[in-house]
Amino acid sequence: MNNKLSVVIIAKNEECNIKRSIESILEATAYLGETEIVLVDSFSTDQTIDIAKNYPIKIIQLDPNFFISPSAGRFIGLKYTSGEFIYFLDGDMHLNNKWFETALPLIENNPKLVGIAGKCHEITFDDNFKNITSEDEDRFNVGNQIHSVRHLGQSVLYRRSALEKVGGFNPYLSNEEELELGLRLSAAKYELQRIPVPMTIHYTKYYSNENPSGVTIRQLKRDWNLGRHTALGQVLGLLWKNPFLMEYLRLYWKSLLFLAVYFIGILTLVIGSTYFLIWFTLFMLFFSLRAIIKKNAYDTTLYILSHSMSAYGFVIGLFKMPPNADVYQPQLKFIK
């Protein structure tokens, strides 16, 4: 017998957050009665699973011999749950206790609405998760209006039937899996909304306003280690025939501009050293002007490095397209 709601928690090494995350779900779903809650763990090496075992939830651990990513966790979470509606929550998030009371009736009463998300309050900590470095009460700039959107990010309440119809998540993507799925749903003429209602508090150490560009060195290290930049080219390949491809490209226009600049640089190097010297001089002029305007050479370095990594990812990802989701058949560990 299917539940009305399934909640899937995606986690890896979240011993600092998982207790808070699970308890927030239990509180937010208490009024519904029986709710299916599943933790999909990306092979944590800390105490995440031991802590989670203390709660009335199911626990599935991914196979380390297969590709592991948040998208893989969502893929498995969708496959091994049965609720008519399914909500995905990252393990470093706290869910507002009134979220489902608001969101569920909205999506239930509008058959065309298949995905809904609210406001995210983001709190960024230092590497030791002790000191707050920045805070953003409305990360997605929802404001006070309902926004019809083409895609949603992080935690979303979905209608299961719509996900199954368009194919769900691609487990081989290391980044932008919600965006790629959202544009497929939009192409299928479904509706997605972000509403001006508190949904989550996100505790992170990666995205921060401590630098003008919002880029941190710890974010760049994580993205490189996880290959998140490679997914940009993969998503481009997957969306090549999608009618909303330009919406994706507009999000990354700066990175694509850097790609064009580097392409020109390579051409000048081939043509002759004089042309390359002109290109290099102009590039350094851009660096200097931005550093002066922002009064921050360090941030300018991070800014250029971030877009350079993304530019590289657009190219390399097109040559490393992900396999079909059907071949993702890991040996899962059903812990509880």
C-alpha atoms as a PDB file:
ATOM      1  CA  MET A   1       0.000   0.000   0.000  1.00  0.00           C
ATOM      2  CA  ASN A   2       1.424   3.370  -1.032  1.00  0.00           C
ATOM      3  CA  ASN A   3       1.903   6.228   1.416  1.00  0.00           C
ATOM      4  CA  LYS A   4       0.852   9.728   0.553  1.00  0.00           C
ATOM      5  CA  LEU A   5       4.350  11.018   1.260  1.00  0.00           C
ATOM      6  CA  SER A   6       7.862   9.639   1.146  1.00  0.00           C
ATOM      7  CA  VAL A   7      10.838  11.632   2.407  1.00  0.00           C
ATOM      8  CA  VAL A   8      14.326  10.805   1.148  1.00  0.00           C
ATOM      9  CA  ILE A   9      17.361  12.152   2.984  1.00  0.00           C
ATOM     10  CA  ILE A  10      20.598  12.337   0.993  1.00  0.00           C
ATOM     11  CA  ALA A  11      23.705  12.227   3.150  1.00  0.00           C
ATOM     12  CA  LYS A  12      27.424  11.608   3.261  1.00  0.00           C
ATOM     13  CA  ASN A  13      29.470  12.187   6.418  1.00  0.00           C
ATOM     14  CA  GLU A  14      26.802  14.336   8.060  1.00  0.00           C
ATOM     15  CA  GLU A  15      27.326  13.328  11.682  1.00  0.00           C
ATOM     16  CA  CYS A  16      27.140  17.014  12.674  1.00  0.00           C
ATOM     17  CA  ASN A  17      23.775  17.514  10.989  1.00  0.00           C
ATOM     18  CA  ILE A  18      21.919  14.224  10.561  1.00  0.00           C
ATOM     19  CA  LYS A  19      20.256  14.172  13.997  1.00  0.00           C
ATOM     20  CA  ARG A  20      18.807  17.620  13.440  1.00  0.00           C
ATOM     21  CA  SER A  21      17.741  16.734   9.904  1.00  0.00           C
ATOM     22  CA  ILE A  22      15.903  13.517  10.838  1.00  0.00           C
ATOM     23  CA  GLU A  23      14.191  15.042  13.855  1.00  0.00           C
ATOM     24  CA  SER A  24      12.965  17.976  11.776  1.00  0.00           C
ATOM     25  CA  ILE A  25      11.342  15.550   9.316  1.00  0.00           C
ATOM     26  CA  LEU A  26       9.691  13.558  12.086  1.00  0.00           C
ATOM     27  CA  GLU A  27       8.287  16.767  13.547  1.00  0.00           C
ATOM     28  CA  ALA A  28       7.091  18.098  10.178  1.00  0.00           C
ATOM     29  CA  THR A  29       5.325  14.833   9.263  1.00  0.00           C
ATOM     30  CA  ALA A  30       3.823  13.992  12.677  1.00  0.00           C
ATOM     31  CA  TYR A  31       0.410  15.345  11.674  1.00  0.00           C
ATOM     32  CA  LEU A  32       0.266  13.000   8.655  1.00  0.00           C
ATOM     33  CA  GLY A  33       0.510   9.800  10.613  1.00  0.00           C
ATOM     34  CA  GLU A  34       2.590   7.095   8.928  1.00  0.00           C
ATOM     35  CA  THR A  35       5.165   8.591   6.568  1.00  0.00           C
ATOM     36  CA  GLU A  36       7.885   6.698   4.736  1.00  0.00           C
ATOM     37  CA  ILE A  37      11.321   8.140   5.588  1.00  0.00           C
ATOM     38  CA  VAL A  38      14.457   6.782   3.954  1.00  0.00           C
ATOM     39  CA  LEU A  39      18.077   7.791   4.431  1.00  0.00           C
ATOM     40  CA  VAL A  40      20.210   7.060   1.372  1.00  0.00           C
ATOM     41  CA  ASP A  41      23.803   7.176   2.549  1.00  0.00           C
ATOM     42  CA  SER A  42      26.699   7.753   0.150  1.00  0.00           C
ATOM     43  CA  PHE A  43      29.041   5.408   2.021  1.00  0.00           C
ATOM     44  CA  SER A  44      29.708   7.646   5.026  1.00  0.00           C
ATOM     45  CA  THR A  45      32.887   7.016   6.998  1.00  0.00           C
ATOM     46  CA  ASP A  46      31.823   8.913  10.116  1.00  0.00           C
ATOM     47  CA  GLN A  47      28.975   8.298  12.613  1.00  0.00           C
ATOM     48  CA  THR A  48      26.130   9.291  10.267  1.00  0.00           C
ATOM     49  CA  ILE A  49      24.593   5.819  10.056  1.00  0.00           C
ATOM     50  CA  ASP A  50      25.079   5.007  13.748  1.00  0.00           C
ATOM     51  CA  ILE A  51      23.194   8.165  14.662  1.00  0.00           C
ATOM     52  CA  ALA A  52      20.453   7.509  12.104  1.00  0.00           C
ATOM     53  CA  LYS A  53      19.851   4.003  13.457  1.00  0.00           C
ATOM     54  CA  ASN A  54      18.291   5.534  16.568  1.00  0.00           C
ATOM     55  CA  TYR A  55      15.282   6.764  14.589  1.00  0.00           C
ATOM     56  CA  PRO A  56      12.276   5.005  12.984  1.00  0.00           C
ATOM     57  CA  ILE A  57      13.516   5.316   9.417  1.00  0.00           C
ATOM     58  CA  LYS A  58      14.876   3.061   6.688  1.00  0.00           C
ATOM     59  CA  ILE A  59      18.574   3.242   5.843  1.00  0.00           C
ATOM     60  CA  ILE A  60      20.082   2.297   2.475  1.00  0.00           C
ATOM     61  CA  GLN A  61      23.794   2.579   1.741  1.00  0.00           C
ATOM     62  CA  LEU A  62      25.087   3.049  -1.794  1.00  0.00           C
ATOM     63  CA  ASP A  63      27.601   0.714  -3.394  1.00  0.00           C
ATOM     64  CA  PRO A  64      31.124   2.231  -3.356  1.00  0.00           C
ATOM     65  CA  ASN A  65      31.951   0.233  -6.484  1.00  0.00           C
ATOM     66  CA  PHE A  66      29.431   2.327  -8.414  1.00  0.00           C
ATOM     67  CA  PHE A  67      29.352   6.054  -9.083  1.00  0.00           C
ATOM     68  CA  ILE A  68      28.300   7.857  -5.895  1.00  0.00           C
ATOM     69  CA  SER A  69      26.670  11.272  -5.980  1.00  0.00           C
ATOM     70  CA  PRO A  70      23.676  13.123  -4.516  1.00  0.00           C
ATOM     71  CA  SER A  71      21.881  12.347  -7.765  1.00  0.00           C
ATOM     72  CA  ALA A  72      22.565   8.637  -7.283  1.00  0.00           C
ATOM     73  CA  GLY A  73      21.042   8.961  -3.815  1.00  0.00           C
ATOM     74  CA  ARG A  74      17.947  10.591  -5.259  1.00  0.00           C
ATOM     75  CA  PHE A  75      17.733   7.960  -7.988  1.00  0.00           C
ATOM     76  CA  ILE A  76      17.806   5.138  -5.416  1.00  0.00           C
ATOM     77  CA  GLY A  77      15.483   7.025  -3.078  1.00  0.00           C
ATOM     78  CA  LEU A  78      12.876   7.303  -5.814  1.00  0.00           C
ATOM     79  CA  LYS A  79      13.284   3.640  -6.749  1.00  0.00           C
ATOM     80  CA  TYR A  80      12.884   2.285  -3.217  1.00  0.00           C
ATOM     81  CA  THR A  81       9.992   4.404  -1.966  1.00  0.00           C
ATOM     82  CA  SER A  82       6.324   4.376  -2.862  1.00  0.00           C
ATOM     83  CA  GLY A  83       4.691   7.640  -1.765  1.00  0.00           C
ATOM     84  CA  GLU A  84       2.443   9.523  -4.152  1.00  0.00           C
ATOM     85  CA  PHE A  85       4.580  12.549  -3.361  1.00  0.00           C
ATOM     86  CA  ILE A  86       8.283  12.446  -2.601  1.00  0.00           C
ATOM     87  CA  TYR A  87      10.395  15.056  -0.868  1.00  0.00           C
ATOM     88  CA  PHE A  88      14.181  15.129  -1.086  1.00  0.00           C
ATOM     89  CA  LEU A  89      16.127  16.708   1.758  1.00  0.00           C
ATOM     90  CA  ASP A  90      19.901  17.042   1.960  1.00  0.00           C
ATOM     91  CA  GLY A  91      21.401  15.750   5.180  1.00  0.00           C
ATOM     92  CA  ASP A  92      22.855  19.146   6.068  1.00  0.00           C
ATOM     93  CA  MET A  93      19.410  20.744   6.149  1.00  0.00           C
ATOM     94  CA  HIS A  94      16.785  21.371   8.802  1.00  0.00           C
ATOM     95  CA  LEU A  95      13.178  21.203   7.574  1.00  0.00           C
ATOM     96  CA  ASN A  96      10.613  23.768   8.707  1.00  0.00           C
ATOM     97  CA  ASN A  97       7.960  22.031  10.789  1.00  0.00           C
ATOM     98  CA  LYS A  98       5.072  23.651   8.859  1.00  0.00           C
ATOM     99  CA  TRP A  99       6.423  22.977   5.367  1.00  0.00           C
ATOM    100  CA  PHE A 100       4.245  20.006   4.439  1.00  0.00           C
ATOM    101  CA  GLU A 101       1.111  21.592   5.906  1.00  0.00           C
ATOM    102  CA  THR A 102       1.533  24.333   3.307  1.00  0.00           C
ATOM    103  CA  ALA A 103       3.152  22.536   0.362  1.00  0.00           C
ATOM    104  CA  LEU A 104       1.200  19.271   0.222  1.00  0.00           C
ATOM    105  CA  PRO A 105      -2.261  20.848  -0.281  1.00  0.00           C
ATOM    106  CA  LEU A 106      -0.867  23.112  -3.018  1.00  0.00           C
ATOM    107  CA  ILE A 107       0.590  20.267  -5.049  1.00  0.00           C
ATOM    108  CA  GLU A 108      -2.339  17.909  -4.349  1.00  0.00           C
ATOM    109  CA  ASN A 109      -4.903  20.391  -5.629  1.00  0.00           C
ATOM    110  CA  ASN A 110      -3.060  21.284  -8.838  1.00  0.00           C
ATOM    111  CA  PRO A 111      -2.478  18.229 -11.070  1.00  0.00           C
ATOM    112  CA  LYS A 112      -0.153  20.166 -13.375  1.00  0.00           C
ATOM    113  CA  LEU A 113       2.052  21.249 -10.481  1.00  0.00           C
ATOM    114  CA  VAL A 114       4.663  18.516 -10.048  1.00  0.00           C
ATOM    115  CA  GLY A 115       7.441  20.213  -8.099  1.00  0.00           C
ATOM    116  CA  ILE A 116       7.391  22.786  -5.326  1.00  0.00           C
ATOM    117  CA  ALA A 117      10.035  24.331  -3.087  1.00  0.00           C
ATOM    118  CA  GLY A 118      10.147  27.198  -0.619  1.00  0.00           C
ATOM    119  CA  LYS A 119      12.624  29.549   0.962  1.00  0.00           C
ATOM    120  CA  CYS A 120      16.071  28.365   2.025  1.00  0.00           C
ATOM    121  CA  HIS A 121      17.873  30.090   4.881  1.00  0.00           C
ATOM    122  CA  GLU A 122      21.571  29.388   4.380  1.00  0.00           C
ATOM    123  CA  ILE A 123      24.138  29.545   7.176  1.00  0.00           C
ATOM    124  CA  THR A 124      27.785  29.107   6.238  1.00  0.00           C
ATOM    125  CA  PHE A 125      30.439  27.978   8.714  1.00  0.00           C
ATOM    126  CA  ASP A 126      34.202  27.767   8.688  1.00  0.00           C
ATOM    127  CA  ASP A 127      36.031  24.504   7.994  1.00  0.00           C
ATOM    128  CA  ASN A 128      35.575  23.341  11.600  1.00  0.00           C
ATOM    129  CA  PHE A 129      31.830  24.004  11.598  1.00  0.00           C
ATOM    130  CA  LYS A 130      32.191  26.256  14.643  1.00  0.00           C
ATOM    131  CA  ASN A 131      32.101  29.862  13.482  1.00  0.00           C
ATOM    132  CA  ILE A 132      29.544  31.401  11.121  1.00  0.00           C
ATOM    133  CA  THR A 133      31.214  33.127   8.181  1.00  0.00           C
ATOM    134  CA  SER A 134      28.063  34.374   6.437  1.00  0.00           C
ATOM    135  CA  GLU A 135      24.284  34.060   6.412  1.00  0.00           C
ATOM    136  CA  ASP A 136      21.604  34.460   3.736  1.00  0.00           C
ATOM    137  CA  GLU A 137      17.980  34.337   4.846  1.00  0.00           C
ATOM    138  CA  ASP A 138      16.628  33.880   1.312  1.00  0.00           C
ATOM    139  CA  ARG A 139      19.236  32.140  -0.818  1.00  0.00           C
ATOM    140  CA  PHE A 140      17.013  31.837  -3.898  1.00  0.00           C
ATOM    141  CA  ASN A 141      15.620  35.383  -3.652  1.00  0.00           C
ATOM    142  CA  VAL A 142      12.031  34.212  -3.448  1.00  0.00           C
ATOM    143  CA  GLY A 143      10.796  37.370  -1.743  1.00  0.00           C
ATOM    144  CA  ASN A 144       7.038  37.554  -1.189  1.00  0.00           C
ATOM    145  CA  GLN A 145       5.786  36.208  -4.522  1.00  0.00           C
ATOM    146  CA  ILE A 146       5.090  32.761  -5.961  1.00  0.00           C
ATOM    147  CA  HIS A 147       7.502  32.092  -8.804  1.00  0.00           C
ATOM    148  CA  SER A 148       6.754  29.727 -11.685  1.00  0.00           C
ATOM    149  CA  VAL A 149      10.143  28.311 -12.636  1.00  0.00           C
ATOM    150  CA  ARG A 150      11.702  25.847 -15.066  1.00  0.00           C
ATOM    151  CA  HIS A 151      13.843  24.092 -12.476  1.00  0.00           C
ATOM    152  CA  LEU A 152      14.374  23.871  -8.718  1.00  0.00           C
ATOM    153  CA  GLY A 153      17.431  23.209  -6.611  1.00  0.00           C
ATOM    154  CA  GLN A 154      18.413  21.344  -3.458  1.00  0.00           C
ATOM    155  CA  SER A 155      15.278  20.174  -1.629  1.00  0.00           C
ATOM    156  CA  VAL A 156      12.031  19.760  -3.558  1.00  0.00           C
ATOM    157  CA  LEU A 157       8.618  18.142  -3.099  1.00  0.00           C
ATOM    158  CA  TYR A 158       7.755  16.219  -6.280  1.00  0.00           C
ATOM    159  CA  ARG A 159       4.797  14.322  -7.671  1.00  0.00           C
ATOM    160  CA  ARG A 160       6.112  10.776  -8.172  1.00  0.00           C
ATOM    161  CA  SER A 161       4.124   9.998 -11.314  1.00  0.00           C
ATOM    162  CA  ALA A 162       5.700  12.945 -13.136  1.00  0.00           C
ATOM    163  CA  LEU A 163       9.228  11.889 -12.185  1.00  0.00           C
ATOM    164  CA  GLU A 164       8.582   8.369 -13.389  1.00  0.00           C
ATOM    165  CA  LYS A 165       7.127   9.629 -16.645  1.00  0.00           C
ATOM    166  CA  VAL A 166      10.167  11.744 -17.594  1.00  0.00           C
ATOM    167  CA  GLY A 167      12.730   9.260 -16.256  1.00  0.00           C
ATOM    168  CA  GLY A 168      13.649  10.634 -12.846  1.00  0.00           C
ATOM    169  CA  PHE A 169      17.168  11.576 -11.815  1.00  0.00           C
ATOM    170  CA  ASN A 170      20.298  10.633 -13.709  1.00  0.00           C
ATOM    171  CA  PRO A 171      22.448   8.837 -11.090  1.00  0.00           C
ATOM    172  CA  TYR A 172      25.667   9.567 -12.968  1.00  0.00           C
ATOM    173  CA  LEU A 173      25.528  13.348 -12.606  1.00  0.00           C
ATOM    174  CA  SER A 174      27.721  14.898  -9.931  1.00  0.00           C
ATOM    175  CA  ASN A 175      26.081  18.320 -10.164  1.00  0.00           C
ATOM    176  CA  GLU A 176      22.966  20.138 -11.459  1.00  0.00           C
ATOM    177  CA  GLU A 177      20.814  17.003 -11.396  1.00  0.00           C
ATOM    178  CA  GLU A 178      17.786  18.986 -10.142  1.00  0.00           C
ATOM    179  CA  LEU A 179      18.213  21.511 -12.945  1.00  0.00           C
ATOM    180  CA  GLU A 180      18.503  18.833 -15.620  1.00  0.00           C
ATOM    181  CA  LEU A 181      15.414  17.061 -14.281  1.00  0.00           C
ATOM    182  CA  GLY A 182      13.497  20.338 -13.976  1.00  0.00           C
ATOM    183  CA  LEU A 183      14.045  21.252 -17.617  1.00  0.00           C
ATOM    184  CA  ARG A 184      12.864  17.792 -18.669  1.00  0.00           C
ATOM    185  CA  LEU A 185       9.722  18.245 -16.568  1.00  0.00           C
ATOM    186  CA  SER A 186       9.184  21.697 -18.067  1.00  0.00           C
ATOM    187  CA  ALA A 187       9.614  20.306 -21.572  1.00  0.00           C
ATOM    188  CA  ALA A 188       6.867  17.801 -20.711  1.00  0.00           C
ATOM    189  CA  LYS A 189       4.634  20.824 -19.918  1.00  0.00           C
ATOM    190  CA  TYR A 190       4.566  20.287 -16.160  1.00  0.00           C
ATOM    191  CA  GLU A 191       4.646  23.187 -13.708  1.00  0.00           C
ATOM    192  CA  LEU A 192       7.247  23.916 -11.028  1.00  0.00           C
ATOM    193  CA  GLN A 193       6.963  26.600  -8.358  1.00  0.00           C
ATOM    194  CA  ARG A 194       9.010  28.220  -5.657  1.00  0.00           C
ATOM    195  CA  ILE A 195       6.771  29.738  -3.001  1.00  0.00           C
ATOM    196  CA  PRO A 196       7.460  32.440  -0.352  1.00  0.00           C
ATOM    197  CA  VAL A 197       7.216  30.015   2.564  1.00  0.00           C
ATOM    198  CA  PRO A 198      10.082  28.966   4.880  1.00  0.00           C
ATOM    199  CA  MET A 199      11.215  25.465   3.913  1.00  0.00           C
ATOM    200  CA  THR A 200      14.764  24.727   5.056  1.00  0.00           C
ATOM    201  CA  ILE A 201      17.785  25.951   6.931  1.00  0.00           C
ATOM    202  CA  HIS A 202      20.954  24.883   5.158  1.00  0.00           C
ATOM    203  CA  TYR A 203      24.113  24.442   7.246  1.00  0.00           C
ATOM    204  CA  THR A 204      27.143  24.483   4.974  1.00  0.00           C
ATOM    205  CA  LYS A 205      30.781  25.465   4.749  1.00  0.00           C
ATOM    206  CA  TYR A 206      30.981  25.879   0.988  1.00  0.00           C
ATOM    207  CA  TYR A 207      28.819  28.762  -0.255  1.00  0.00           C
ATOM    208  CA  SER A 208      29.592  32.030   1.457  1.00  0.00           C
ATOM    209  CA  ASN A 209      29.319  35.796   1.220  1.00  0.00           C
ATOM    210  CA  GLU A 210      32.708  36.241   2.872  1.00  0.00           C
ATOM    211  CA  ASN A 211      34.112  37.099  -0.585  1.00  0.00           C
ATOM    212  CA  PRO A 212      32.395  39.488  -3.050  1.00  0.00           C
ATOM    213  CA  SER A 213      31.884  36.763  -5.672  1.00  0.00           C
ATOM    214  CA  GLY A 214      30.572  34.228  -3.150  1.00  0.00           C
ATOM    215  CA  VAL A 215      33.345  31.807  -4.103  1.00  0.00           C
ATOM    216  CA  THR A 216      35.546  30.131  -1.486  1.00  0.00           C
ATOM    217  CA  ILE A 217      38.659  28.032  -1.882  1.00  0.00           C
ATOM    218  CA  ARG A 218      37.039  25.183   0.071  1.00  0.00           C
ATOM    219  CA  GLN A 219      34.166  25.180  -2.436  1.00  0.00           C
ATOM    220  CA  LEU A 220      36.583  25.008  -5.355  1.00  0.00           C
ATOM    221  CA  LYS A 221      38.503  22.142  -3.734  1.00  0.00           C
ATOM    222  CA  ARG A 222      35.303  20.196  -3.120  1.00  0.00           C
ATOM    223  CA  ASP A 223      34.006  20.789  -6.640  1.00  0.00           C
ATOM    224  CA  TRP A 224      37.290  19.624  -8.161  1.00  0.00           C
ATOM    225  CA  ASN A 225      37.545  16.531  -5.960  1.00  0.00           C
ATOM    226  CA  LEU A 226      33.963  15.513  -6.756  1.00  0.00           C
ATOM    227  CA  GLY A 227      34.201  16.356 -10.444  1.00  0.00           C
ATOM    228  CA  ARG A 228      31.224  18.683 -10.194  1.00  0.00           C
ATOM    229  CA  HIS A 229      32.494  20.839 -13.048  1.00  0.00           C
ATOM    230  CA  THR A 230      32.429  17.848 -15.420  1.00  0.00           C
ATOM    231  CA  ALA A 231      28.662  17.573 -14.967  1.00  0.00           C
ATOM    232  CA  LEU A 232      28.204  20.964 -16.654  1.00  0.00           C
ATOM    233  CA  GLY A 233      29.218  19.565 -20.027  1.00  0.00           C
ATOM    234  CA  GLN A 234      27.269  16.373 -19.390  1.00  0.00           C
ATOM    235  CA  VAL A 235      24.101  18.325 -18.633  1.00  0.00           C
ATOM    236  CA  LEU A 236      24.674  20.360 -21.797  1.00  0.00           C
ATOM    237  CA  GLY A 237      24.817  17.142 -23.801  1.00  0.00           C
ATOM    238  CA  LEU A 238      21.712  15.716 -22.120  1.00  0.00           C
ATOM    239  CA  LEU A 239      19.721  18.909 -22.727  1.00  0.00           C
ATOM    240  CA  TRP A 240      20.935  19.506 -26.274  1.00  0.00           C
ATOM    241  CA  LYS A 241      17.462  18.980 -27.787  1.00  0.00           C
ATOM    242  CA  ASN A 242      15.557  20.405 -24.818  1.00  0.00           C
ATOM    243  CA  PRO A 243      13.485  23.497 -25.760  1.00  0.00           C
ATOM    244  CA  PHE A 244      14.728  25.265 -22.631  1.00  0.00           C
ATOM    245  CA  LEU A 245      18.427  24.714 -23.276  1.00  0.00           C
ATOM    246  CA  MET A 246      19.047  28.478 -23.430  1.00  0.00           C
ATOM    247  CA  GLU A 247      17.788  28.840 -19.868  1.00  0.00           C
ATOM    248  CA  TYR A 248      20.600  26.554 -18.747  1.00  0.00           C
ATOM    249  CA  LEU A 249      23.189  28.337 -20.858  1.00  0.00           C
ATOM    250  CA  ARG A 250      22.127  31.720 -19.464  1.00  0.00           C
ATOM    251  CA  LEU A 251      22.931  30.498 -15.972  1.00  0.00           C
ATOM    252  CA  TYR A 252      26.511  29.810 -17.018  1.00  0.00           C
ATOM    253  CA  TRP A 253      27.066  32.578 -19.546  1.00  0.00           C
ATOM    254  CA  LYS A 254      30.116  33.878 -17.682  1.00  0.00           C
ATOM    255  CA  SER A 255      31.780  30.473 -17.723  1.00  0.00           C
ATOM    256  CA  LEU A 256      30.965  30.091 -21.412  1.00  0.00           C
ATOM    257  CA  LEU A 257      32.448  33.540 -22.008  1.00  0.00           C
ATOM    258  CA  PHE A 258      35.641  32.415 -20.279  1.00  0.00           C
ATOM    259  CA  LEU A 259      35.612  29.344 -22.520  1.00  0.00           C
ATOM    260  CA  ALA A 260      35.483  31.607 -25.574  1.00  0.00           C
ATOM    261  CA  VAL A 261      38.288  33.768 -24.176  1.00  0.00           C
ATOM    262  CA  TYR A 262      40.518  30.741 -23.599  1.00  0.00           C
ATOM    263  CA  PHE A 263      39.708  29.428 -27.062  1.00  0.00           C
ATOM    264  CA  ILE A 264      40.846  32.746 -28.524  1.00  0.00           C
ATOM    265  CA  GLY A 265      43.978  32.537 -26.383  1.00  0.00           C
ATOM    266  CA  ILE A 266      44.822  29.122 -27.821  1.00  0.00           C
ATOM    267  CA  LEU A 267      44.272  30.437 -31.349  1.00  0.00           C
ATOM    268  CA  THR A 268      46.622  33.376 -30.743  1.00  0.00           C
ATOM    269  CA  LEU A 269      49.241  30.969 -29.409  1.00  0.00           C
ATOM    270  CA  VAL A 270      48.996  28.996 -32.650  1.00  0.00           C
ATOM    271  CA  ILE A 271      49.028  32.083 -34.869  1.00  0.00           C
ATOM    272  CA  GLY A 272      52.043  33.704 -33.271  1.00  0.00           C
ATOM    273  CA  SER A 273      53.633  34.875 -30.038  1.00  0.00           C
ATOM    274  CA  THR A 274      52.847  38.540 -30.686  1.00  0.00           C
ATOM    275  CA  TYR A 275      49.105  37.872 -30.823  1.00  0.00           C
ATOM    276  CA  PHE A 276      49.315  35.729 -27.715  1.00  0.00           C
ATOM    277  CA  LEU A 277      51.156  38.526 -25.895  1.00  0.00           C
ATOM    278  CA  ILE A 278      48.305  40.912 -26.773  1.00  0.00           C
ATOM    279  CA  TRP A 279      45.739  38.378 -25.537  1.00  0.00           C
ATOM    280  CA  PHE A 280      47.651  37.796 -22.305  1.00  0.00           C
ATOM    281  CA  THR A 281      48.027  41.540 -21.698  1.00  0.00           C
ATOM    282  CA  LEU A 282      44.289  42.073 -22.116  1.00  0.00           C
ATOM    283  CA  PHE A 283      43.552  39.166 -19.787  1.00  0.00           C
ATOM    284  CA  MET A 284      45.826  40.569 -17.092  1.00  0.00           C
ATOM    285  CA  LEU A 285      44.240  43.989 -17.590  1.00  0.00           C
ATOM    286  CA  PHE A 286      40.859  42.433 -16.878  1.00  0.00           C
ATOM    287  CA  PHE A 287      42.272  40.813 -13.731  1.00  0.00           C
ATOM    288  CA  SER A 288      43.753  44.084 -12.540  1.00  0.00           C
ATOM    289  CA  LEU A 289      40.633  46.147 -13.201  1.00  0.00           C
ATOM    290  CA  ARG A 290      38.371  43.695 -11.405  1.00  0.00           C
ATOM    291  CA  ALA A 291      40.758  43.476  -8.445  1.00  0.00           C
ATOM    292  CA  ILE A 292      40.782  47.277  -8.195  1.00  0.00           C
ATOM    293  CA  ILE A 293      37.009  47.609  -8.508  1.00  0.00           C
ATOM    294  CA  LYS A 294      36.320  44.856  -5.965  1.00  0.00           C
ATOM    295  CA  LYS A 295      39.313  45.915  -3.850  1.00  0.00           C
ATOM    296  CA  ASN A 296      40.140  42.243  -3.553  1.00  0.00           C
ATOM    297  CA  ALA A 297      42.784  40.471  -5.650  1.00  0.00           C
ATOM    298  CA  TYR A 298      42.202  37.196  -3.787  1.00  0.00           C
ATOM    299  CA  ASP A 299      38.513  37.152  -4.656  1.00  0.00           C
ATOM    300  CA  THR A 300      39.321  37.982  -8.270  1.00  0.00           C
ATOM    301  CA  THR A 301      41.663  34.999  -8.381  1.00  0.00           C
ATOM    302  CA  LEU A 302      38.923  32.728  -7.012  1.00  0.00           C
ATOM    303  CA  TYR A 303      36.389  34.233  -9.427  1.00  0.00           C
ATOM    304  CA  ILE A 304      38.574  33.507 -12.456  1.00  0.00           C
ATOM    305  CA  LEU A 305      39.524  30.069 -11.174  1.00  0.00           C
ATOM    306  CA  SER A 306      35.882  29.142 -10.591  1.00  0.00           C
ATOM    307  CA  HIS A 307      34.761  30.135 -14.083  1.00  0.00           C
ATOM    308  CA  SER A 308      37.857  28.535 -15.590  1.00  0.00           C
ATOM    309  CA  MET A 309      37.004  25.229 -13.925  1.00  0.00           C
ATOM    310  CA  SER A 310      33.451  25.487 -15.240  1.00  0.00           C
ATOM    311  CA  ALA A 311      34.704  26.317 -18.747  1.00  0.00           C
ATOM    312  CA  TYR A 312      36.932  23.239 -18.602  1.00  0.00           C
ATOM    313  CA  GLY A 313      33.977  21.192 -17.351  1.00  0.00           C
ATOM    314  CA  PHE A 314      31.792  22.205 -20.279  1.00  0.00           C
ATOM    315  CA  VAL A 315      34.388  20.809 -22.659  1.00  0.00           C
ATOM    316  CA  ILE A 316      35.484  17.673 -20.811  1.00  0.00           C
ATOM    317  CA  GLY A 317      31.908  16.759 -19.848  1.00  0.00           C
ATOM    318  CA  LEU A 318      30.842  16.584 -23.484  1.00  0.00           C
ATOM    319  CA  PHE A 319      33.510  13.928 -24.013  1.00  0.00           C
ATOM    320  CA  LYS A 320      32.546  12.017 -20.850  1.00  0.00           C
ATOM    321  CA  MET A 321      28.802  11.701 -21.234  1.00  0.00           C
ATOM    322  CA  PRO A 322      27.119   9.653 -18.476  1.00  0.00           C
ATOM    323  CA  PRO A 323      25.790   6.153 -19.152  1.00  0.00           C
ATOM    324  CA  ASN A 324      22.070   5.513 -19.365  1.00  0.00           C
ATOM    325  CA  ALA A 325      20.415   5.427 -15.944  1.00  0.00           C
ATOM    326  CA  ASP A 326      19.179   1.896 -16.634  1.00  0.00           C
ATOM    327  CA  VAL A 327      22.686   0.486 -16.171  1.00  0.00           C
ATOM    328  CA  TYR A 328      22.950   1.865 -12.636  1.00  0.00           C
ATOM    329  CA  GLN A 329      22.346  -1.347 -10.702  1.00  0.00           C
ATOM    330  CA  PRO A 330      24.543  -1.247  -7.586  1.00  0.00           C
ATOM    331  CA  GLN A 331      24.667  -3.803  -4.797  1.00  0.00           C
ATOM    332  CA  LEU A 332      22.883  -1.796  -2.118  1.00  0.00           C
ATOM    333  CA  LYS A 333      23.226  -2.387   1.596  1.00  0.00           C
ATOM    334  CA  PHE A 334      19.890  -2.290   3.405  1.00  0.00           C
ATOM    335  CA  ILE A 335      20.984  -1.421   6.904  1.00  0.00           C
ATOM    336  CA  LYS A 336      17.600  -0.870   8.471  1.00  0.00           C
END
